[in-house]
């Protein structure tokens, strides 16, 4: 899953260390070049088509890192299912392919989706699955069993305490040393997988990407109060599950 992949976090730091507008301009130029040859659909006016494309180039690309995170998660699932091997697919290429599909769909949809983040996540997962199927068919050989992961060491109490504090309050940033720790990443993924998808992605937008509740509401079509309630409920669940797992591990070690 995404937290177990250190390459995602290295790319995330790399992207955040340089002006994000530079990456946005590059992606926007690539998308515009790919859309120039496509004729305008008859059911859309020039103004409506321009409005939709402007949304994708502006608000849609604000979701680039969360969409890329969904792609890493989808690739991990395809690897676990034995359809592909680690390193078979390039996440950044799949992210661009996802936005290309989004640009094409915006020309066909009767109206913009209410939860546009969910729509982009769906496109991302489907893009990954199609690429995995194509890669698998190119190999022309039986699926190999997934390589078992190495056992994870127990969590140290200081790390457990910091993780406990970070999960208790979504307003607290996650320390880098937590996300960079393989055992913590494995534990985070196991906890986040228990959540409904919408709750998980909203929590990650707040806790990992540091989005405000108003910004999340605009991307998901929810009210800010609904986002606030989901974040608080998610924090309570994660906090309770972490204590449950810690208690189970302590009992097993005795």
Protein backbone atom coordinates (compact mmCIF):
# COMPACT_ATOMS: atom_id res chain seq x y z
CA UNK A 1 0.00 0.00 0.00
CA UNK A 2 1.01 3.60 -0.34
CA UNK A 3 2.56 4.09 3.09
CA UNK A 4 4.79 1.06 2.56
CA UNK A 5 6.24 2.59 -0.60
CA UNK A 6 9.12 4.95 0.30
CA UNK A 7 9.37 6.06 -3.34
CA UNK A 8 6.03 7.85 -3.08
CA UNK A 9 7.16 9.84 -0.07
CA UNK A 10 10.51 10.65 -1.73
CA UNK A 11 8.63 11.93 -4.78
CA UNK A 12 6.23 13.85 -2.56
CA UNK A 13 9.11 15.64 -0.83
CA UNK A 14 10.75 16.30 -4.19
CA UNK A 15 7.57 17.83 -5.59
CA UNK A 16 7.00 19.95 -2.49
CA UNK A 17 10.61 21.19 -2.49
CA UNK A 18 10.22 22.94 -5.83
CA UNK A 19 7.52 25.40 -6.95
CA UNK A 20 4.35 23.41 -7.49
CA UNK A 21 3.30 25.88 -10.17
CA UNK A 22 6.18 24.61 -12.30
CA UNK A 23 4.78 21.08 -12.24
CA UNK A 24 1.26 22.40 -12.84
CA UNK A 25 2.36 24.39 -15.90
CA UNK A 26 4.12 21.36 -17.36
CA UNK A 27 1.12 19.09 -16.85
CA UNK A 28 -1.28 21.73 -18.14
CA UNK A 29 0.77 22.19 -21.31
CA UNK A 30 0.89 18.43 -21.91
CA UNK A 31 -2.86 18.09 -21.39
CA UNK A 32 -3.64 21.06 -23.62
CA UNK A 33 -1.46 19.65 -26.40
CA UNK A 34 -3.25 16.31 -26.19
CA UNK A 35 -6.67 18.01 -26.35
CA UNK A 36 -6.05 20.36 -29.27
CA UNK A 37 -6.90 17.82 -31.95
CA UNK A 38 -10.14 16.68 -30.29
CA UNK A 39 -13.26 18.35 -31.76
CA UNK A 40 -15.71 20.12 -29.47
CA UNK A 41 -18.65 17.86 -28.55
CA UNK A 42 -21.94 19.21 -29.97
CA UNK A 43 -23.70 19.16 -26.58
CA UNK A 44 -21.19 21.60 -25.04
CA UNK A 45 -20.80 25.28 -25.80
CA UNK A 46 -17.34 26.78 -26.14
CA UNK A 47 -17.84 28.52 -22.78
CA UNK A 48 -18.87 25.32 -21.00
CA UNK A 49 -16.01 23.35 -22.50
CA UNK A 50 -13.56 26.06 -21.46
CA UNK A 51 -15.02 26.09 -17.93
CA UNK A 52 -14.60 22.33 -17.56
CA UNK A 53 -11.05 22.32 -18.89
CA UNK A 54 -10.14 25.25 -16.65
CA UNK A 55 -11.45 23.29 -13.65
CA UNK A 56 -9.19 20.35 -14.54
CA UNK A 57 -6.13 22.54 -15.07
CA UNK A 58 -6.68 24.38 -11.80
CA UNK A 59 -8.65 22.52 -9.11
CA UNK A 60 -8.17 19.10 -10.71
CA UNK A 61 -4.39 19.40 -10.69
CA UNK A 62 -4.51 20.49 -7.05
CA UNK A 63 -5.44 16.85 -6.45
CA UNK A 64 -2.34 15.53 -8.25
CA UNK A 65 -0.60 14.13 -5.16
CA UNK A 66 -3.78 12.53 -3.70
CA UNK A 67 -4.50 10.99 -7.13
CA UNK A 68 -0.91 9.75 -7.32
CA UNK A 69 -1.34 8.24 -3.87
CA UNK A 70 -4.40 6.33 -5.15
CA UNK A 71 -2.30 5.09 -8.06
CA UNK A 72 0.42 3.78 -5.74
CA UNK A 73 -2.23 2.01 -3.69
CA UNK A 74 -3.82 0.50 -6.82
CA UNK A 75 -0.43 -0.69 -8.11
CA UNK A 76 0.28 -2.34 -4.75
CA UNK A 77 -3.02 -4.24 -4.98
CA UNK A 78 -2.22 -5.45 -8.51
CA UNK A 79 1.18 -6.66 -7.26
CA UNK A 80 -0.45 -8.44 -4.31
CA UNK A 81 -2.91 -10.11 -6.71
CA UNK A 82 0.01 -11.40 -8.79
CA UNK A 83 -1.02 -9.59 -11.95
CA UNK A 84 2.21 -7.57 -12.19
CA UNK A 85 5.57 -7.36 -10.49
CA UNK A 86 7.00 -4.45 -8.51
CA UNK A 87 8.45 -1.88 -10.87
CA UNK A 88 6.36 -2.95 -13.87
CA UNK A 89 4.33 0.28 -13.97
CA UNK A 90 5.42 3.92 -13.77
CA UNK A 91 3.12 5.78 -11.34
CA UNK A 92 3.82 9.21 -12.85
CA UNK A 93 3.00 8.00 -16.36
CA UNK A 94 -0.25 6.51 -15.02
CA UNK A 95 -1.07 9.81 -13.29
CA UNK A 96 -0.74 11.66 -16.58
CA UNK A 97 -2.81 8.97 -18.33
CA UNK A 98 -5.47 9.42 -15.65
CA UNK A 99 -5.68 13.15 -16.31
CA UNK A 100 -5.78 12.53 -20.05
CA UNK A 101 -8.80 10.26 -19.52
CA UNK A 102 -10.35 12.88 -17.23
CA UNK A 103 -9.94 15.50 -19.95
CA UNK A 104 -11.60 13.21 -22.48
CA UNK A 105 -14.48 12.33 -20.12
CA UNK A 106 -15.10 15.99 -19.30
CA UNK A 107 -16.02 16.43 -22.96
CA UNK A 108 -18.63 13.66 -22.78
CA UNK A 109 -20.24 13.96 -19.34
CA UNK A 110 -23.61 15.73 -19.16
CA UNK A 111 -22.33 17.65 -16.11
CA UNK A 112 -19.34 17.71 -13.79
CA UNK A 113 -19.45 15.05 -11.04
CA UNK A 114 -20.45 16.28 -7.59
CA UNK A 115 -17.61 14.41 -5.87
CA UNK A 116 -14.87 15.14 -8.36
CA UNK A 117 -12.14 13.68 -6.19
CA UNK A 118 -13.96 10.32 -6.09
CA UNK A 119 -14.37 10.50 -9.87
CA UNK A 120 -10.62 11.07 -10.35
CA UNK A 121 -9.80 8.22 -7.94
CA UNK A 122 -12.03 5.87 -9.90
CA UNK A 123 -10.33 6.87 -13.15
CA UNK A 124 -6.92 6.36 -11.53
CA UNK A 125 -7.73 2.84 -10.28
CA UNK A 126 -9.22 1.85 -13.63
CA UNK A 127 -6.19 3.24 -15.48
CA UNK A 128 -3.87 1.20 -13.27
CA UNK A 129 -5.94 -1.97 -13.76
CA UNK A 130 -5.97 -1.59 -17.54
CA UNK A 131 -2.22 -1.03 -17.58
CA UNK A 132 -1.66 -4.05 -15.31
CA UNK A 133 -3.78 -6.27 -17.57
CA UNK A 134 -1.84 -5.09 -20.62
CA UNK A 135 1.48 -5.65 -18.89
CA UNK A 136 0.41 -9.10 -17.77
CA UNK A 137 -0.71 -10.08 -21.26
CA UNK A 138 2.65 -8.94 -22.68
CA UNK A 139 4.50 -11.36 -20.44
CA UNK A 140 2.60 -14.45 -21.70
CA UNK A 141 3.49 -16.49 -18.68
CA UNK A 142 1.65 -17.76 -15.57
CA UNK A 143 1.09 -15.46 -12.67
CA UNK A 144 3.73 -15.77 -10.00
CA UNK A 145 2.87 -15.79 -6.33
CA UNK A 146 3.53 -12.58 -4.47
CA UNK A 147 6.80 -12.53 -2.51
CA UNK A 148 6.04 -12.73 1.21
CA UNK A 149 7.00 -9.61 3.08
CA UNK A 150 9.59 -9.66 5.81
CA UNK A 151 8.30 -9.67 9.36
CA UNK A 152 8.01 -6.22 10.89
CA UNK A 153 9.71 -5.40 14.15
CA UNK A 154 7.54 -4.38 17.12
CA UNK A 155 6.82 -0.69 17.53
CA UNK A 156 9.02 1.14 20.03
CA UNK A 157 7.05 2.90 22.76
CA UNK A 158 8.28 6.42 21.80
CA UNK A 159 7.23 5.85 18.18
CA UNK A 160 3.93 4.38 19.32
CA UNK A 161 3.31 7.45 21.48
CA UNK A 162 4.01 9.86 18.59
CA UNK A 163 1.83 7.84 16.24
CA UNK A 164 -0.89 7.78 18.87
CA UNK A 165 -0.76 11.60 19.13
CA UNK A 166 -0.78 12.05 15.34
CA UNK A 167 -3.78 9.76 14.88
CA UNK A 168 -5.70 11.32 17.76
CA UNK A 169 -5.78 14.79 16.21
CA UNK A 170 -5.93 15.23 12.40
CA UNK A 171 -4.81 18.84 12.89
CA UNK A 172 -1.36 17.59 13.94
CA UNK A 173 1.15 16.97 11.11
CA UNK A 174 2.63 13.51 10.79
CA UNK A 175 6.37 13.63 11.65
CA UNK A 176 8.59 12.55 8.74
CA UNK A 177 10.33 9.90 10.82
CA UNK A 178 7.01 8.13 11.32
CA UNK A 179 6.18 7.97 7.62
CA UNK A 180 9.75 6.90 6.81
CA UNK A 181 9.64 3.99 9.29
CA UNK A 182 8.71 0.73 7.48
CA UNK A 183 6.92 -0.74 10.49
CA UNK A 184 4.87 2.41 11.01
CA UNK A 185 3.96 2.54 7.33
CA UNK A 186 2.75 -1.06 7.46
CA UNK A 187 0.67 -0.34 10.55
CA UNK A 188 -0.80 2.85 9.06
CA UNK A 189 -1.87 0.99 5.95
CA UNK A 190 -3.50 -1.76 7.99
CA UNK A 191 -5.48 0.83 9.97
CA UNK A 192 -6.46 2.96 6.98
CA UNK A 193 -7.68 -0.09 5.04
CA UNK A 194 -10.37 -0.58 7.68
CA UNK A 195 -11.96 2.77 6.81
CA UNK A 196 -14.56 3.44 4.12
CA UNK A 197 -12.77 4.79 1.06
CA UNK A 198 -14.29 8.25 1.29
CA UNK A 199 -13.35 8.61 4.95
CA UNK A 200 -9.80 7.39 4.31
CA UNK A 201 -9.17 9.77 1.42
CA UNK A 202 -10.66 12.75 3.27
CA UNK A 203 -8.51 11.97 6.32
CA UNK A 204 -5.37 11.71 4.17
CA UNK A 205 -6.15 15.03 2.50
CA UNK A 206 -6.25 16.64 5.95
CA UNK A 207 -3.54 14.73 7.82
CA UNK A 208 -0.99 14.11 5.07
CA UNK A 209 -1.66 16.81 2.46
CA UNK A 210 -2.65 19.46 5.06
CA UNK A 211 -5.79 20.56 3.19
CA UNK A 212 -8.32 22.72 5.03
CA UNK A 213 -11.84 21.46 5.63
CA UNK A 214 -13.19 24.09 3.22
CA UNK A 215 -10.83 22.98 0.47
CA UNK A 216 -11.72 19.31 1.00
CA UNK A 217 -15.42 20.19 0.89
CA UNK A 218 -14.96 21.93 -2.46
CA UNK A 219 -13.20 18.89 -3.94
CA UNK A 220 -15.63 16.28 -2.62
CA UNK A 221 -18.95 18.08 -2.91
CA UNK A 222 -19.57 17.83 0.84
CA UNK A 223 -20.35 20.59 3.30
CA UNK A 224 -17.49 21.77 5.54
CA UNK A 225 -19.44 20.55 8.58
CA UNK A 226 -19.70 17.09 7.00
CA UNK A 227 -15.96 17.04 6.35
CA UNK A 228 -15.31 18.11 9.95
CA UNK A 229 -17.54 15.32 11.29
CA UNK A 230 -15.84 12.69 9.09
CA UNK A 231 -12.37 13.82 10.19
CA UNK A 232 -13.26 13.69 13.88
CA UNK A 233 -14.97 10.30 13.59
CA UNK A 234 -12.06 8.89 11.59
CA UNK A 235 -9.56 10.11 14.18
CA UNK A 236 -11.56 8.41 16.95
CA UNK A 237 -11.69 5.10 15.04
CA UNK A 238 -7.97 5.13 14.19
CA UNK A 239 -7.06 5.99 17.76
CA UNK A 240 -9.19 3.16 19.13
CA UNK A 241 -7.87 0.63 16.60
CA UNK A 242 -4.27 1.60 17.35
CA UNK A 243 -4.81 0.95 21.06
CA UNK A 244 -6.52 -2.33 20.26
CA UNK A 245 -3.57 -3.48 18.13
CA UNK A 246 -1.06 -2.33 20.72
CA UNK A 247 -2.89 -4.30 23.39
CA UNK A 248 -3.00 -7.41 21.21
CA UNK A 249 0.73 -7.18 20.51
CA UNK A 250 1.55 -6.69 24.19
CA UNK A 251 -0.53 -9.74 25.11
CA UNK A 252 1.16 -11.82 22.41
CA UNK A 253 4.64 -10.86 23.65
CA UNK A 254 3.90 -11.90 27.26
